[in-house]
């Protein structure tokens, strides 16, 4: 059986961000599963245009190919002003059909709220893209948390990854039997 391909998307492109460390942490946890192949997708590695061009750029095509490659996603997002960053929305909008009938889990971070407002906004966006979002997620409070890899956070990540791999398997099998039509 082909391993599940899970893309861990680091949604912040700010200098000095903590999302890259959080993204690597969740990618390492997901990669410990025998049935999972992890692909790290760091939006900071893509030179996206400042505005939507008439024709896709090479960076846009490369990003869309990574989304098409994946059977499921873990989106690592900060919360900025009770929402997720514009860099993440821009990237999400570059793909469309490539998101369909795939699951997404969330690892969020912020001050006090652990990024839950960003996740709620992302759920709405992903619903429009026919993405099944996971009920469980992982939150990091940047004010209180000195350590990322805590037992509580590992348990939360395990629950989210259990749900994600179940849905990724089910939806991959369904897409193979019958193409998804939106």
Protein backbone atom coordinates (compact mmCIF):
# COMPACT_ATOMS: atom_id res chain seq x y z
CA UNK A 1 0.00 0.00 0.00
CA UNK A 2 1.30 3.44 -0.93
CA UNK A 3 1.99 5.60 2.14
CA UNK A 4 -0.33 8.50 2.89
CA UNK A 5 1.24 11.71 1.66
CA UNK A 6 0.72 14.43 4.25
CA UNK A 7 1.78 17.99 3.48
CA UNK A 8 2.63 20.08 6.54
CA UNK A 9 2.05 23.66 5.42
CA UNK A 10 3.84 26.44 7.33
CA UNK A 11 1.52 29.39 6.78
CA UNK A 12 3.55 32.33 8.07
CA UNK A 13 6.23 34.11 6.08
CA UNK A 14 7.17 36.71 8.72
CA UNK A 15 10.77 37.22 9.73
CA UNK A 16 11.39 35.84 13.22
CA UNK A 17 8.34 33.58 13.09
CA UNK A 18 7.98 30.54 15.33
CA UNK A 19 5.85 28.64 12.81
CA UNK A 20 8.81 26.96 11.13
CA UNK A 21 9.84 25.31 14.40
CA UNK A 22 6.26 24.25 15.10
CA UNK A 23 5.94 22.95 11.53
CA UNK A 24 9.09 20.87 11.82
CA UNK A 25 7.85 19.48 15.16
CA UNK A 26 4.51 18.32 13.73
CA UNK A 27 6.20 16.99 10.58
CA UNK A 28 8.51 14.91 12.77
CA UNK A 29 5.54 13.51 14.73
CA UNK A 30 3.63 12.68 11.55
CA UNK A 31 6.72 11.13 9.99
CA UNK A 32 7.01 8.66 12.86
CA UNK A 33 3.93 6.89 11.53
CA UNK A 34 4.80 3.98 9.27
CA UNK A 35 1.91 4.71 6.90
CA UNK A 36 2.82 8.39 6.38
CA UNK A 37 5.18 10.19 4.01
CA UNK A 38 5.57 13.82 5.05
CA UNK A 39 6.24 16.76 2.77
CA UNK A 40 7.08 20.07 4.42
CA UNK A 41 5.62 23.02 2.51
CA UNK A 42 7.07 26.25 3.89
CA UNK A 43 5.42 29.27 2.27
CA UNK A 44 8.60 31.20 3.03
CA UNK A 45 10.32 29.08 0.35
CA UNK A 46 8.01 30.32 -2.41
CA UNK A 47 8.52 33.58 -4.25
CA UNK A 48 4.86 34.35 -4.85
CA UNK A 49 3.93 37.46 -6.82
CA UNK A 50 2.58 40.47 -4.87
CA UNK A 51 -0.68 40.33 -6.84
CA UNK A 52 -2.51 37.59 -8.70
CA UNK A 53 -0.99 37.43 -12.23
CA UNK A 54 -2.73 36.63 -15.51
CA UNK A 55 -0.66 33.45 -15.83
CA UNK A 56 0.64 31.23 -13.01
CA UNK A 57 4.27 31.74 -12.07
CA UNK A 58 6.72 28.90 -11.52
CA UNK A 59 6.34 29.29 -7.73
CA UNK A 60 2.56 29.06 -8.04
CA UNK A 61 2.80 25.92 -10.20
CA UNK A 62 5.25 24.33 -7.76
CA UNK A 63 2.94 25.05 -4.82
CA UNK A 64 -0.13 23.70 -6.61
CA UNK A 65 1.82 20.54 -7.50
CA UNK A 66 2.57 19.99 -3.78
CA UNK A 67 -1.13 20.35 -2.96
CA UNK A 68 -2.03 17.89 -5.73
CA UNK A 69 0.63 15.47 -4.41
CA UNK A 70 -0.82 15.35 -0.90
CA UNK A 71 -3.54 13.05 0.41
CA UNK A 72 -4.04 15.33 3.41
CA UNK A 73 -2.72 18.44 5.11
CA UNK A 74 -1.63 19.80 8.44
CA UNK A 75 -1.85 23.58 8.30
CA UNK A 76 0.41 25.38 10.79
CA UNK A 77 -0.96 28.87 11.24
CA UNK A 78 -0.41 31.84 13.48
CA UNK A 79 -3.26 34.05 14.56
CA UNK A 80 -2.86 37.65 13.47
CA UNK A 81 -5.68 40.02 14.44
CA UNK A 82 -8.10 37.12 15.05
CA UNK A 83 -7.45 35.57 11.66
CA UNK A 84 -4.79 33.76 9.66
CA UNK A 85 -2.06 35.49 7.62
CA UNK A 86 -2.57 36.86 4.13
CA UNK A 87 0.37 34.75 2.91
CA UNK A 88 -1.62 31.62 3.72
CA UNK A 89 -4.81 32.85 2.06
CA UNK A 90 -2.88 33.82 -1.05
CA UNK A 91 -1.34 30.36 -1.29
CA UNK A 92 -4.63 28.56 -0.61
CA UNK A 93 -6.26 30.47 -3.46
CA UNK A 94 -3.63 29.36 -5.98
CA UNK A 95 -5.05 25.83 -5.91
CA UNK A 96 -8.67 24.78 -6.25
CA UNK A 97 -9.44 21.28 -7.51
CA UNK A 98 -6.21 20.06 -5.88
CA UNK A 99 -7.76 20.61 -2.41
CA UNK A 100 -11.02 18.77 -3.11
CA UNK A 101 -12.02 15.70 -1.08
CA UNK A 102 -8.94 15.75 1.14
CA UNK A 103 -8.66 16.28 4.91
CA UNK A 104 -6.89 19.03 6.82
CA UNK A 105 -5.85 19.31 10.45
CA UNK A 106 -4.63 22.44 12.17
CA UNK A 107 -1.78 23.39 14.46
CA UNK A 108 -2.23 26.99 15.52
CA UNK A 109 -0.43 29.45 17.71
CA UNK A 110 -1.00 32.90 19.09
CA UNK A 111 -1.21 34.94 22.23
CA UNK A 112 -3.74 33.69 24.78
CA UNK A 113 -6.18 32.23 22.23
CA UNK A 114 -3.73 29.58 20.89
CA UNK A 115 -4.76 30.59 17.39
CA UNK A 116 -8.32 29.24 17.58
CA UNK A 117 -9.78 32.25 15.78
CA UNK A 118 -7.45 31.67 12.83
CA UNK A 119 -8.53 28.02 12.68
CA UNK A 120 -12.22 28.93 12.71
CA UNK A 121 -11.66 31.28 9.77
CA UNK A 122 -9.68 28.58 7.93
CA UNK A 123 -12.49 26.05 8.44
CA UNK A 124 -14.81 28.35 6.50
CA UNK A 125 -12.34 28.73 3.64
CA UNK A 126 -11.63 25.01 3.46
CA UNK A 127 -15.34 24.14 3.53
CA UNK A 128 -15.69 26.12 0.31
CA UNK A 129 -12.83 24.09 -1.16
CA UNK A 130 -14.50 20.76 -0.24
CA UNK A 131 -11.86 19.94 2.39
CA UNK A 132 -12.82 17.82 5.41
CA UNK A 133 -11.41 19.59 8.48
CA UNK A 134 -10.46 17.70 11.62
CA UNK A 135 -12.35 18.37 14.82
CA UNK A 136 -9.24 18.05 16.98
CA UNK A 137 -6.21 20.27 16.61
CA UNK A 138 -3.18 21.55 18.45
CA UNK A 139 -2.94 25.02 19.98
CA UNK A 140 0.10 26.85 21.31
CA UNK A 141 -0.18 29.88 23.60
CA UNK A 142 2.96 31.90 22.96
CA UNK A 143 2.59 33.79 26.27
CA UNK A 144 2.48 30.80 28.59
CA UNK A 145 4.22 27.98 26.80
CA UNK A 146 7.95 27.68 27.36
CA UNK A 147 8.18 24.26 25.74
CA UNK A 148 6.56 23.05 22.52
CA UNK A 149 6.86 19.30 22.97
CA UNK A 150 4.69 18.71 26.06
CA UNK A 151 2.71 15.57 26.87
CA UNK A 152 -0.57 17.50 26.49
CA UNK A 153 0.46 18.79 23.08
CA UNK A 154 1.69 15.35 21.94
CA UNK A 155 -1.67 13.86 22.93
CA UNK A 156 -3.51 16.58 21.00
CA UNK A 157 -1.30 16.02 17.95
CA UNK A 158 -1.81 12.26 18.16
CA UNK A 159 -5.60 12.66 18.21
CA UNK A 160 -5.51 15.07 15.26
CA UNK A 161 -3.13 12.84 13.27
CA UNK A 162 -5.28 9.77 14.03
CA UNK A 163 -8.31 11.56 12.58
CA UNK A 164 -6.32 12.95 9.67
CA UNK A 165 -4.85 9.62 8.61
CA UNK A 166 -8.25 7.92 8.87
CA UNK A 167 -9.88 10.54 6.65
CA UNK A 168 -6.91 10.66 4.28
CA UNK A 169 -7.13 6.90 3.75
CA UNK A 170 -10.90 6.91 3.32
CA UNK A 171 -10.93 9.86 0.92
CA UNK A 172 -7.94 8.62 -1.09
CA UNK A 173 -9.70 5.27 -1.55
CA UNK A 174 -12.95 7.02 -2.51
CA UNK A 175 -11.19 9.28 -5.05
CA UNK A 176 -9.57 6.21 -6.61
CA UNK A 177 -12.93 4.44 -6.94
CA UNK A 178 -14.74 7.48 -8.28
CA UNK A 179 -13.39 10.93 -9.15
CA UNK A 180 -14.72 13.67 -6.88
CA UNK A 181 -17.14 16.04 -8.56
CA UNK A 182 -17.84 19.43 -7.00
